[in-house]
Amino acid sequence: MPSFVKKKFPKHTTAMMALYSFVLNLSSVIGVWLALPLTYSIGVPHTLAFWLIFSILTLMLYFPEIRNNRISRVKIRHKHTKSLMREIGAWKITIFMGLQGFLAYSTLAWLPAIIAQKGYGLEYGTKVLLYSQFVCVPVAFFGPLLLGVLREKHKSLYMAFLCSLYVVGYLCVLLGESQWTIYITIVCIGAPMGGVFGLALLFISQKSSSVMVATKLSAMVQGFGYLIAASGPFVIGLLHDHFESYIYGIIMVLCVAVALNITGILAHRTKMIG
């Protein structure tokens, strides 16, 4: 998507990435909203199978792309360029993508269970996650747009504020027990979940010097980034099984949130790649 936007909408990068991020986060709201009722009514195996409906629908929508020979047509050969693996800027964006995904995936996987362990129940914990997704949807849309109109000196402040909300949110999860702290958690975790992901995708388009570089950078950032992200729920699960508590997992998430703030500023200050 970042390379597609770079090619088709070079003058409207922020608007298109905002729209893409908005639709993606809206879809996650629907997923969270349906997950628990489906699990209770048809069980976990059938709930997992239920998502095949959307996979099949996606294939149907993509079928015209296959019919016009887009996949099989001869690709234009480009001149050999320096490997992005040697670009420090590319790694900054990759790590930023990975850390934000680490936090988002960990939240989606474990926040309901963590809230439930505080005595509120799993259903209430799922509602907390759902409400946080409602917060993330408008931020996902307006965040990239806001970054596009802010002055350069204010962009770093906006990014720092957005990433810092993760720290505040998980401090509330770690230390808070009252419903007021849960309300703060909903806002402080939901906002960066929506906004930071859009920024990571925006960096891919904005920091690439050409469509070809954007394609390679997108593959690198999302390939390595999601490997980092996928480890989040797994590591938290291991820590919980070993210590029989979520405290150490939350502390780890807090450390990742601080690192996200640092890498976000570094990624934003990265010069044009390629």
Protein backbone atom coordinates (compact mmCIF):
# COMPACT_ATOMS: atom_id res chain seq x y z
CA MET A 1 0.00 0.00 0.00
CA PRO A 2 2.70 2.60 0.79
CA SER A 3 4.35 2.01 -2.61
CA PHE A 4 0.96 2.04 -4.36
CA VAL A 5 0.11 5.38 -2.75
CA LYS A 6 3.55 6.74 -3.63
CA LYS A 7 2.94 5.87 -7.29
CA LYS A 8 -0.74 6.73 -7.72
CA PHE A 9 -1.18 9.63 -5.29
CA PRO A 10 2.22 11.35 -4.91
CA LYS A 11 0.60 14.71 -4.07
CA HIS A 12 -1.95 13.26 -1.64
CA THR A 13 0.16 10.86 0.39
CA THR A 14 -1.06 11.96 3.82
CA ALA A 15 -4.73 11.89 2.82
CA MET A 16 -4.56 8.42 1.28
CA MET A 17 -2.59 6.92 4.14
CA ALA A 18 -5.07 8.48 6.54
CA LEU A 19 -7.95 6.85 4.66
CA TYR A 20 -6.16 3.49 4.54
CA SER A 21 -5.32 3.60 8.26
CA PHE A 22 -8.92 4.62 9.05
CA VAL A 23 -10.46 1.69 7.16
CA LEU A 24 -7.97 -0.75 8.66
CA ASN A 25 -8.70 0.35 12.22
CA LEU A 26 -12.44 0.40 11.57
CA SER A 27 -12.13 -3.23 10.50
CA SER A 28 -10.37 -4.05 13.76
CA VAL A 29 -13.28 -2.51 15.68
CA ILE A 30 -15.67 -4.87 13.90
CA GLY A 31 -13.37 -7.80 14.65
CA VAL A 32 -13.14 -7.04 18.37
CA TRP A 33 -16.90 -6.39 18.54
CA LEU A 34 -17.71 -9.78 17.01
CA ALA A 35 -15.02 -11.89 18.69
CA LEU A 36 -16.52 -12.53 22.13
CA PRO A 37 -20.17 -13.07 21.06
CA LEU A 38 -19.03 -15.50 18.36
CA THR A 39 -16.80 -17.37 20.82
CA TYR A 40 -19.67 -17.76 23.28
CA SER A 41 -22.19 -18.83 20.62
CA ILE A 42 -20.22 -21.11 18.28
CA GLY A 43 -16.93 -21.79 20.08
CA VAL A 44 -13.32 -20.88 19.34
CA PRO A 45 -12.71 -23.24 16.33
CA HIS A 46 -15.81 -22.05 14.48
CA THR A 47 -15.07 -18.43 15.38
CA LEU A 48 -11.64 -18.75 13.75
CA ALA A 49 -13.29 -20.36 10.71
CA PHE A 50 -15.77 -17.48 10.55
CA TRP A 51 -13.03 -15.09 9.39
CA LEU A 52 -12.69 -17.17 6.21
CA ILE A 53 -15.74 -15.28 4.96
CA PHE A 54 -13.72 -12.07 4.82
CA SER A 55 -10.75 -13.84 3.23
CA ILE A 56 -12.96 -15.20 0.44
CA LEU A 57 -14.55 -11.77 -0.03
CA THR A 58 -11.08 -10.23 -0.34
CA LEU A 59 -10.12 -12.76 -3.02
CA MET A 60 -13.30 -11.94 -4.93
CA LEU A 61 -12.49 -8.23 -4.83
CA TYR A 62 -8.92 -8.90 -5.98
CA PHE A 63 -9.99 -11.20 -8.84
CA PRO A 64 -10.13 -8.35 -11.43
CA GLU A 65 -6.45 -7.69 -10.74
CA ILE A 66 -5.70 -11.29 -11.80
CA ARG A 67 -7.85 -11.11 -14.92
CA ASN A 68 -6.04 -8.06 -16.32
CA ASN A 69 -2.69 -9.94 -16.16
CA ARG A 70 -1.27 -7.54 -13.58
CA ILE A 71 0.46 -10.42 -11.81
CA SER A 72 1.84 -12.23 -14.86
CA ARG A 73 2.84 -9.24 -17.00
CA VAL A 74 6.56 -8.62 -17.61
CA LYS A 75 8.05 -6.35 -14.95
CA ILE A 76 10.21 -3.37 -15.85
CA ARG A 77 13.82 -3.92 -14.84
CA HIS A 78 15.41 -1.17 -12.83
CA LYS A 79 19.02 -0.26 -12.39
CA HIS A 80 20.81 -1.89 -9.52
CA THR A 81 20.49 0.19 -6.36
CA LYS A 82 22.19 0.03 -2.98
CA SER A 83 20.65 -2.47 -0.62
CA LEU A 84 18.30 -0.89 1.92
CA MET A 85 19.80 -3.22 4.51
CA ARG A 86 22.75 -0.81 4.59
CA GLU A 87 20.55 2.25 5.12
CA ILE A 88 20.39 3.30 8.77
CA GLY A 89 17.26 5.32 8.02
CA ALA A 90 15.48 2.25 6.68
CA TRP A 91 16.26 0.36 9.89
CA LYS A 92 14.95 3.25 12.01
CA ILE A 93 11.59 3.07 10.25
CA THR A 94 11.62 -0.74 10.43
CA ILE A 95 12.21 -0.77 14.18
CA PHE A 96 9.55 1.91 14.64
CA MET A 97 7.06 -0.23 12.72
CA GLY A 98 8.03 -3.31 14.72
CA LEU A 99 7.73 -1.63 18.12
CA GLN A 100 4.36 -0.05 17.37
CA GLY A 101 3.10 -3.41 16.16
CA PHE A 102 4.55 -5.09 19.26
CA LEU A 103 2.47 -2.78 21.44
CA ALA A 104 -0.67 -3.04 19.31
CA TYR A 105 -0.60 -6.84 19.03
CA SER A 106 0.14 -7.24 22.73
CA THR A 107 -2.78 -4.99 23.56
CA LEU A 108 -5.19 -6.81 21.28
CA ALA A 109 -4.13 -10.20 22.63
CA TRP A 110 -3.81 -9.56 26.37
CA LEU A 111 -5.56 -6.36 27.50
CA PRO A 112 -8.95 -8.05 28.09
CA ALA A 113 -7.30 -10.78 30.17
CA ILE A 114 -5.27 -8.25 32.16
CA ILE A 115 -8.39 -6.21 32.95
CA ALA A 116 -10.27 -9.40 33.81
CA GLN A 117 -7.56 -10.39 36.31
CA LYS A 118 -8.19 -7.14 38.16
CA GLY A 119 -11.62 -8.53 39.04
CA TYR A 120 -13.73 -6.98 36.28
CA GLY A 121 -14.34 -10.13 34.21
CA LEU A 122 -13.38 -11.05 30.66
CA GLU A 123 -16.51 -9.56 29.10
CA TYR A 124 -15.76 -6.18 30.66
CA GLY A 125 -12.12 -6.48 29.57
CA THR A 126 -13.26 -7.09 26.01
CA LYS A 127 -15.46 -3.98 26.20
CA VAL A 128 -12.43 -1.97 27.36
CA LEU A 129 -10.54 -3.15 24.29
CA LEU A 130 -13.52 -2.38 22.06
CA TYR A 131 -13.87 1.14 23.46
CA SER A 132 -10.15 1.73 22.92
CA GLN A 133 -10.66 0.76 19.28
CA PHE A 134 -13.44 3.34 19.00
CA VAL A 135 -10.92 5.93 20.18
CA CYS A 136 -8.28 4.77 17.71
CA VAL A 137 -10.49 5.08 14.58
CA PRO A 138 -10.73 8.92 14.42
CA VAL A 139 -7.07 9.28 15.43
CA ALA A 140 -6.10 6.86 12.63
CA PHE A 141 -7.82 9.13 10.12
CA PHE A 142 -6.93 12.60 11.39
CA GLY A 143 -3.42 11.78 12.66
CA PRO A 144 -1.66 11.60 9.27
CA LEU A 145 -3.69 14.60 8.04
CA LEU A 146 -2.58 16.60 11.06
CA LEU A 147 1.03 15.63 10.51
CA GLY A 148 0.73 16.86 6.94
CA VAL A 149 -0.29 20.40 7.96
CA LEU A 150 1.81 20.89 11.08
CA ARG A 151 4.99 22.92 10.91
CA GLU A 152 8.19 20.91 11.03
CA LYS A 153 9.07 21.96 14.58
CA HIS A 154 5.64 20.81 15.82
CA LYS A 155 5.66 17.40 14.14
CA SER A 156 8.19 15.94 16.57
CA LEU A 157 6.16 17.23 19.52
CA TYR A 158 3.00 15.64 18.12
CA MET A 159 4.73 12.30 17.60
CA ALA A 160 6.30 12.38 21.06
CA PHE A 161 2.92 13.15 22.62
CA LEU A 162 1.20 10.35 20.70
CA CYS A 163 3.84 7.73 21.57
CA SER A 164 3.96 8.86 25.20
CA LEU A 165 0.26 8.06 25.59
CA TYR A 166 1.20 4.37 25.48
CA VAL A 167 3.40 4.93 28.56
CA VAL A 168 0.60 6.70 30.43
CA GLY A 169 -1.95 4.08 29.42
CA TYR A 170 0.10 1.12 30.58
CA LEU A 171 1.12 2.86 33.79
CA CYS A 172 -2.60 3.04 34.51
CA VAL A 173 -2.89 -0.67 33.68
CA LEU A 174 0.03 -1.48 35.99
CA LEU A 175 -0.86 0.73 38.96
CA GLY A 176 -4.56 1.48 38.66
CA GLU A 177 -7.50 -0.51 39.98
CA SER A 178 -10.41 1.93 39.81
CA GLN A 179 -12.73 2.45 36.86
CA TRP A 180 -11.40 5.98 36.40
CA THR A 181 -7.94 4.63 35.60
CA ILE A 182 -9.54 2.21 33.14
CA TYR A 183 -11.23 5.13 31.38
CA ILE A 184 -7.84 6.84 31.12
CA THR A 185 -6.39 3.57 29.82
CA ILE A 186 -9.01 3.39 27.07
CA VAL A 187 -8.06 6.83 25.74
CA CYS A 188 -4.30 6.64 26.28
CA ILE A 189 -3.95 3.23 24.61
CA GLY A 190 -6.59 3.71 21.91
CA ALA A 191 -5.20 6.98 20.55
CA PRO A 192 -1.65 5.76 19.77
CA MET A 193 -2.93 2.41 18.47
CA GLY A 194 -4.72 4.35 15.75
CA GLY A 195 -2.27 7.17 15.20
CA VAL A 196 1.15 5.54 15.38
CA PHE A 197 0.40 2.82 12.84
CA GLY A 198 -0.59 5.45 10.27
CA LEU A 199 2.64 7.33 10.94
CA ALA A 200 4.71 4.20 10.32
CA LEU A 201 3.06 3.69 6.93
CA LEU A 202 3.37 7.39 6.13
CA PHE A 203 7.12 7.27 6.76
CA ILE A 204 7.48 4.56 4.11
CA SER A 205 5.88 6.76 1.45
CA GLN A 206 7.37 10.08 2.51
CA LYS A 207 10.94 8.95 3.12
CA SER A 208 11.28 7.07 -0.19
CA SER A 209 12.92 8.90 -3.07
CA SER A 210 11.03 6.90 -5.73
CA VAL A 211 8.28 4.33 -6.21
CA MET A 212 10.89 1.57 -6.57
CA VAL A 213 12.51 2.53 -3.26
CA ALA A 214 9.08 2.73 -1.62
CA THR A 215 8.30 -0.81 -2.77
CA LYS A 216 11.57 -2.17 -1.37
CA LEU A 217 11.28 -0.13 1.83
CA SER A 218 7.69 -1.29 2.32
CA ALA A 219 8.77 -4.93 2.00
CA MET A 220 11.62 -4.45 4.45
CA VAL A 221 9.74 -2.38 7.01
CA GLN A 222 6.64 -4.55 7.07
CA GLY A 223 8.52 -7.83 6.70
CA PHE A 224 10.94 -7.36 9.59
CA GLY A 225 8.53 -5.09 11.45
CA TYR A 226 5.77 -7.65 11.74
CA LEU A 227 8.26 -10.29 12.86
CA ILE A 228 9.08 -8.02 15.79
CA ALA A 229 5.40 -7.29 16.35
CA ALA A 230 4.35 -10.94 16.34
CA SER A 231 6.72 -11.71 19.21
CA GLY A 232 4.81 -9.42 21.59
CA PRO A 233 1.81 -11.60 22.54
CA PHE A 234 4.04 -14.69 22.66
CA VAL A 235 6.60 -13.15 25.04
CA ILE A 236 3.90 -11.76 27.33
CA GLY A 237 2.31 -15.20 27.44
CA LEU A 238 5.64 -16.78 28.38
CA LEU A 239 6.22 -14.23 31.13
CA HIS A 240 2.72 -14.82 32.49
CA ASP A 241 3.18 -18.60 32.51
CA HIS A 242 6.55 -18.32 34.25
CA PHE A 243 5.68 -15.70 36.89
CA GLU A 244 1.91 -16.38 37.03
CA SER A 245 1.35 -12.64 36.76
CA TYR A 246 0.98 -10.01 34.05
CA ILE A 247 3.11 -7.48 35.94
CA TYR A 248 6.37 -8.37 34.21
CA GLY A 249 4.70 -8.37 30.81
CA ILE A 250 3.28 -4.90 31.46
CA ILE A 251 6.71 -3.64 32.57
CA MET A 252 8.18 -4.99 29.34
CA VAL A 253 5.45 -3.22 27.34
CA LEU A 254 6.28 0.02 29.17
CA CYS A 255 9.94 -0.32 28.16
CA VAL A 256 8.92 -0.92 24.55
CA ALA A 257 6.67 2.17 24.70
CA VAL A 258 9.64 4.32 25.79
CA ALA A 259 11.76 2.84 22.98
CA LEU A 260 8.93 3.57 20.53
CA ASN A 261 9.06 7.23 21.47
CA ILE A 262 12.80 7.41 20.78
CA THR A 263 12.69 5.51 17.48
CA GLY A 264 9.69 7.56 16.34
CA ILE A 265 11.64 10.80 16.59
CA LEU A 266 14.66 9.20 14.87
CA ALA A 267 12.47 7.83 12.06
CA HIS A 268 10.83 11.21 11.57
CA ARG A 269 14.22 12.93 11.28
CA THR A 270 15.47 10.37 8.74
CA LYS A 271 16.53 11.92 5.43
CA MET A 272 15.18 10.79 2.08
CA ILE A 273 16.11 7.13 1.45
CA GLY A 274 17.53 6.00 -1.87
